[in-house]
Amino acid sequence: MTDHQQRIHPVVDVEAPAPTTPLVPHGSATSEKGSPIQQRPPQRTIPVRPPPPPRKRSCCCKCICWTVSLIVVLLIILGATIGILYLVFRPQLPKYSIDSLRISDLRLNFDMTLYAKFDVKITANNPNKKIGIYYEKGGRLSVWYTNSKLCEGSLPKFYQGHQNITKLEVVLTGQTQSGSTLMSALQEQQQTGQIPLDLKVHAPVAVKLGKLKMRKVKILGECKLVVDSLSANNIISIKASNCKFRLKL
């Protein structure tokens, strides 16, 4: 090739814009001086809940708890007191027995009512060594045939000491409606020689423990009797007697 050989050079376009290279990475910002500012990645905020405040017991709840506790303590004290009293005094129910029954009068009136008058002798036995019994006013004694009350009388007011036996004589009187029907039933039963009668006792009493007189209670009892006759002014034989008594507060 000769020196006159023509060389080919690339033509540069002066007017074409020069390629620009991003000086700041994508997603970053620049400061006023032009220096890039690095941005922190977004942070996740987790809400923190404060612990719940401790529950406070209301005054009503505390009052109920104190009341229940007081009742339990009182019941324990009461039970212990009753147990001690029972061990010290050894209480027993009084015992009663029917000694005799006499019919003074048993007749039909003009108004067809049945009039009856009985005389009853009773033995009251207090077996307690350290307990006395006050028989208060208002005690009643009555005689029944089936569901009809024949007569009734009042028990006397008295005090029965320790291990004491007291004899009582009570007069019972009464009038019953439908006397003719009742008299016929009694006469028919009398022919068998076995007439069932119920003697009921209702006695308000007060117990004395040592020198302390307790509140009133009631002695309720029933004696089922079988007698041979209801003839007036005659000695009546008691063929059978079964008495049961209980204490009612």
Protein backbone atom coordinates (compact mmCIF):
# COMPACT_ATOMS: atom_id res chain seq x y z
CA MET A 1 0.00 0.00 0.00
CA THR A 2 1.32 3.41 -0.77
CA ASP A 3 1.56 6.47 1.41
CA HIS A 4 -1.12 8.00 -0.66
CA GLN A 5 -3.47 5.27 0.46
CA GLN A 6 -6.48 6.85 1.97
CA ARG A 7 -7.28 6.07 5.62
CA ILE A 8 -10.88 5.85 6.90
CA HIS A 9 -11.64 7.35 10.32
CA PRO A 10 -14.93 7.19 12.18
CA VAL A 11 -17.01 10.27 12.05
CA VAL A 12 -18.00 11.71 15.33
CA ASP A 13 -21.36 13.48 15.56
CA VAL A 14 -20.67 16.54 17.66
CA GLU A 15 -24.29 17.52 17.96
CA ALA A 16 -25.41 14.11 19.37
CA PRO A 17 -25.93 14.08 23.12
CA ALA A 18 -23.36 12.34 25.12
CA PRO A 19 -24.50 9.20 26.95
CA THR A 20 -25.20 9.82 30.58
CA THR A 21 -24.46 7.35 33.28
CA PRO A 22 -26.62 7.56 36.45
CA LEU A 23 -24.39 8.65 39.26
CA VAL A 24 -26.99 7.97 41.92
CA PRO A 25 -28.36 4.49 42.38
CA HIS A 26 -32.02 3.93 41.68
CA GLY A 27 -34.21 4.56 44.67
CA SER A 28 -31.75 6.99 46.36
CA ALA A 29 -32.01 10.74 46.79
CA THR A 30 -29.47 13.51 46.57
CA SER A 31 -28.70 16.32 48.89
CA GLU A 32 -28.51 19.97 47.97
CA LYS A 33 -24.76 19.59 47.31
CA GLY A 34 -25.49 16.76 44.96
CA SER A 35 -24.23 13.96 47.17
CA PRO A 36 -26.49 10.91 47.34
CA ILE A 37 -28.45 10.25 50.49
CA GLN A 38 -28.97 6.62 51.38
CA GLN A 39 -32.56 5.77 52.35
CA ARG A 40 -33.28 3.24 55.10
CA PRO A 41 -35.58 0.41 54.29
CA PRO A 42 -39.11 0.83 55.77
CA GLN A 43 -39.51 -0.62 59.25
CA ARG A 44 -42.61 -2.47 60.53
CA THR A 45 -44.08 -1.10 63.75
CA ILE A 46 -45.66 -3.69 66.06
CA PRO A 47 -48.11 -2.19 68.59
CA VAL A 48 -47.37 -3.14 72.19
CA ARG A 49 -50.42 -3.54 74.36
CA PRO A 50 -50.03 -2.62 78.04
CA PRO A 51 -50.74 -5.46 80.52
CA PRO A 52 -54.31 -5.45 81.84
CA PRO A 53 -54.66 -3.84 85.26
CA PRO A 54 -55.26 -6.29 88.14
CA ARG A 55 -58.90 -6.80 88.94
CA LYS A 56 -60.00 -5.26 92.19
CA ARG A 57 -62.58 -7.04 94.30
CA SER A 58 -65.65 -5.02 94.86
CA CYS A 59 -66.83 -4.09 98.34
CA CYS A 60 -69.92 -6.26 97.85
CA CYS A 61 -67.79 -9.37 97.18
CA LYS A 62 -65.67 -8.71 100.27
CA CYS A 63 -68.79 -8.19 102.36
CA ILE A 64 -70.27 -11.51 101.19
CA CYS A 65 -67.03 -13.34 101.97
CA TRP A 66 -66.86 -11.85 105.47
CA THR A 67 -70.53 -12.66 106.10
CA VAL A 68 -70.16 -16.29 104.99
CA SER A 69 -67.03 -16.71 107.07
CA LEU A 70 -68.75 -15.23 110.13
CA ILE A 71 -71.76 -17.54 109.70
CA VAL A 72 -69.48 -20.58 109.41
CA VAL A 73 -67.60 -19.58 112.56
CA LEU A 74 -70.86 -19.03 114.48
CA LEU A 75 -72.19 -22.42 113.35
CA ILE A 76 -69.00 -24.11 114.52
CA ILE A 77 -69.21 -22.35 117.91
CA LEU A 78 -72.91 -23.23 118.24
CA GLY A 79 -72.28 -26.86 117.36
CA ALA A 80 -69.43 -27.10 119.86
CA THR A 81 -71.58 -25.49 122.58
CA ILE A 82 -74.47 -27.90 121.96
CA GLY A 83 -72.08 -30.84 122.01
CA ILE A 84 -70.56 -29.74 125.32
CA LEU A 85 -74.00 -29.19 126.88
CA TYR A 86 -75.14 -32.61 125.72
CA LEU A 87 -72.09 -34.30 127.22
CA VAL A 88 -72.50 -32.43 130.51
CA PHE A 89 -76.27 -32.72 131.05
CA ARG A 90 -77.18 -35.87 129.06
CA PRO A 91 -80.77 -34.70 128.34
CA GLN A 92 -83.61 -37.22 128.12
CA LEU A 93 -87.28 -36.79 127.25
CA PRO A 94 -89.71 -37.11 130.18
CA LYS A 95 -91.79 -40.27 130.32
CA TYR A 96 -95.54 -40.45 130.79
CA SER A 97 -97.94 -43.26 131.55
CA ILE A 98 -101.74 -43.52 131.92
CA ASP A 99 -102.56 -44.96 135.32
CA SER A 100 -106.37 -44.99 135.15
CA LEU A 101 -109.29 -43.74 133.10
CA ARG A 102 -112.72 -43.20 134.57
CA ILE A 103 -115.84 -42.05 132.75
CA SER A 104 -117.98 -39.85 134.96
CA ASP A 105 -120.58 -39.06 132.32
CA LEU A 106 -121.30 -40.09 128.72
CA ARG A 107 -124.74 -39.21 127.35
CA LEU A 108 -126.72 -37.69 124.49
CA ASN A 109 -128.12 -34.20 124.99
CA PHE A 110 -131.44 -32.95 123.67
CA ASP A 111 -129.65 -31.15 120.84
CA MET A 112 -128.20 -34.55 119.79
CA THR A 113 -124.69 -33.66 120.90
CA LEU A 114 -122.62 -36.18 122.84
CA TYR A 115 -121.46 -34.99 126.27
CA ALA A 116 -118.45 -36.72 127.84
CA LYS A 117 -116.61 -36.30 131.11
CA PHE A 118 -113.47 -38.33 131.78
CA ASP A 119 -111.13 -38.44 134.77
CA VAL A 120 -107.57 -39.32 133.81
CA LYS A 121 -104.65 -40.06 136.13
CA ILE A 122 -101.19 -39.62 134.64
CA THR A 123 -97.67 -40.23 135.91
CA ALA A 124 -94.94 -37.85 134.68
CA ASN A 125 -91.37 -39.03 135.18
CA ASN A 126 -88.35 -36.76 134.74
CA PRO A 127 -85.31 -39.08 134.50
CA ASN A 128 -82.72 -36.29 134.08
CA LYS A 129 -80.12 -35.83 136.81
CA LYS A 130 -79.29 -32.19 136.07
CA ILE A 131 -82.34 -30.90 134.18
CA GLY A 132 -85.57 -29.53 135.63
CA ILE A 133 -88.81 -28.99 133.70
CA TYR A 134 -91.22 -26.07 134.01
CA TYR A 135 -94.70 -27.00 132.80
CA GLU A 136 -96.11 -23.70 131.60
CA LYS A 137 -99.67 -22.50 131.31
CA GLY A 138 -101.59 -23.68 128.23
CA GLY A 139 -101.01 -27.43 128.37
CA ARG A 140 -103.88 -29.51 126.98
CA LEU A 141 -104.94 -33.15 127.27
CA SER A 142 -107.64 -34.61 125.02
CA VAL A 143 -109.31 -37.96 124.31
CA TRP A 144 -110.28 -38.95 120.75
CA TYR A 145 -112.27 -41.75 119.15
CA THR A 146 -111.20 -42.15 115.52
CA ASN A 147 -111.31 -38.53 114.24
CA SER A 148 -113.80 -37.19 116.82
CA LYS A 149 -112.64 -35.38 119.93
CA LEU A 150 -114.70 -36.59 122.90
CA CYS A 151 -113.34 -34.31 125.63
CA GLU A 152 -110.45 -32.04 126.62
CA GLY A 153 -108.86 -30.64 129.77
CA SER A 154 -106.04 -28.38 130.98
CA LEU A 155 -102.75 -29.58 132.40
CA PRO A 156 -101.67 -27.87 135.64
CA LYS A 157 -98.75 -25.46 135.78
CA PHE A 158 -95.91 -26.76 137.95
CA TYR A 159 -92.18 -27.35 138.19
CA GLN A 160 -90.74 -30.85 138.11
CA GLY A 161 -87.28 -31.25 139.60
CA HIS A 162 -84.43 -33.63 138.82
CA GLN A 163 -85.29 -37.33 138.79
CA ASN A 164 -88.79 -36.55 139.99
CA ILE A 165 -92.04 -38.51 139.57
CA THR A 166 -95.27 -36.48 139.67
CA LYS A 167 -98.85 -37.81 139.75
CA LEU A 168 -101.43 -35.74 137.87
CA GLU A 169 -105.22 -35.99 137.83
CA VAL A 170 -106.93 -34.17 134.97
CA VAL A 171 -110.67 -33.73 134.39
CA LEU A 172 -111.70 -33.72 130.72
CA THR A 173 -115.06 -32.51 129.41
CA GLY A 174 -116.50 -31.89 125.96
CA GLN A 175 -119.44 -31.91 123.58
CA THR A 176 -119.35 -33.45 120.12
CA GLN A 177 -121.65 -32.85 117.16
CA SER A 178 -123.44 -35.75 115.46
CA GLY A 179 -123.71 -37.37 118.86
CA SER A 180 -126.25 -40.05 117.88
CA THR A 181 -123.97 -41.44 115.15
CA LEU A 182 -120.96 -41.37 117.43
CA MET A 183 -122.84 -43.00 120.31
CA SER A 184 -124.03 -45.83 118.05
CA ALA A 185 -120.45 -46.45 116.88
CA LEU A 186 -119.18 -46.54 120.49
CA GLN A 187 -121.91 -48.96 121.56
CA GLU A 188 -121.15 -51.30 118.66
CA GLN A 189 -117.44 -51.18 119.50
CA GLN A 190 -118.18 -51.80 123.18
CA GLN A 191 -119.78 -55.12 122.34
CA THR A 192 -116.39 -56.37 121.16
CA GLY A 193 -114.81 -55.50 124.52
CA GLN A 194 -112.02 -53.50 122.79
CA ILE A 195 -112.56 -49.77 122.28
CA PRO A 196 -109.63 -47.84 120.77
CA LEU A 197 -109.05 -44.36 122.18
CA ASP A 198 -106.33 -41.79 121.50
CA LEU A 199 -105.06 -39.61 124.33
CA LYS A 200 -103.14 -36.61 122.98
CA VAL A 201 -100.83 -34.34 124.99
CA HIS A 202 -99.78 -30.79 124.11
CA ALA A 203 -97.58 -29.33 126.85
CA PRO A 204 -95.48 -26.13 126.61
CA VAL A 205 -92.44 -26.51 128.85
CA ALA A 206 -89.23 -24.67 129.67
CA VAL A 207 -86.05 -26.58 130.44
CA LYS A 208 -83.81 -25.59 133.35
CA LEU A 209 -80.12 -26.36 132.94
CA GLY A 210 -78.51 -25.88 136.31
CA LYS A 211 -79.62 -22.35 137.24
CA LEU A 212 -80.33 -21.29 133.67
CA LYS A 213 -83.93 -21.37 132.41
CA MET A 214 -84.07 -21.94 128.68
CA ARG A 215 -86.67 -20.82 126.13
CA LYS A 216 -90.04 -22.55 125.85
CA VAL A 217 -90.49 -25.70 123.79
CA LYS A 218 -93.41 -28.05 123.30
CA ILE A 219 -93.87 -31.66 124.30
CA LEU A 220 -96.22 -33.41 121.91
CA GLY A 221 -97.40 -36.91 122.68
CA GLU A 222 -99.99 -39.50 121.83
CA CYS A 223 -101.08 -42.57 123.77
CA LYS A 224 -103.03 -45.20 121.92
CA LEU A 225 -105.28 -46.95 124.43
CA VAL A 226 -107.56 -49.95 124.23
CA VAL A 227 -110.24 -50.10 126.95
CA ASP A 228 -112.88 -52.71 127.65
CA SER A 229 -115.88 -50.45 128.36
CA LEU A 230 -117.23 -46.91 128.31
CA SER A 231 -119.86 -47.38 130.97
CA ALA A 232 -120.26 -44.37 133.24
CA ASN A 233 -119.14 -44.56 136.88
CA ASN A 234 -117.47 -47.92 136.38
CA ILE A 235 -113.83 -48.93 136.62
CA ILE A 236 -112.46 -49.12 133.10
CA SER A 237 -109.68 -51.57 132.36
CA ILE A 238 -106.90 -50.37 130.06
CA LYS A 239 -105.99 -53.44 128.04
CA ALA A 240 -103.22 -51.84 125.98
CA SER A 241 -101.27 -48.59 126.04
CA ASN A 242 -98.64 -47.33 123.62
CA CYS A 243 -97.31 -43.80 124.21
CA LYS A 244 -94.93 -41.81 122.03
CA PHE A 245 -93.64 -38.31 122.75
CA ARG A 246 -91.45 -35.84 120.92
CA LEU A 247 -90.01 -32.39 121.47
CA LYS A 248 -90.95 -29.51 119.17
CA LEU A 249 -88.88 -26.34 119.18
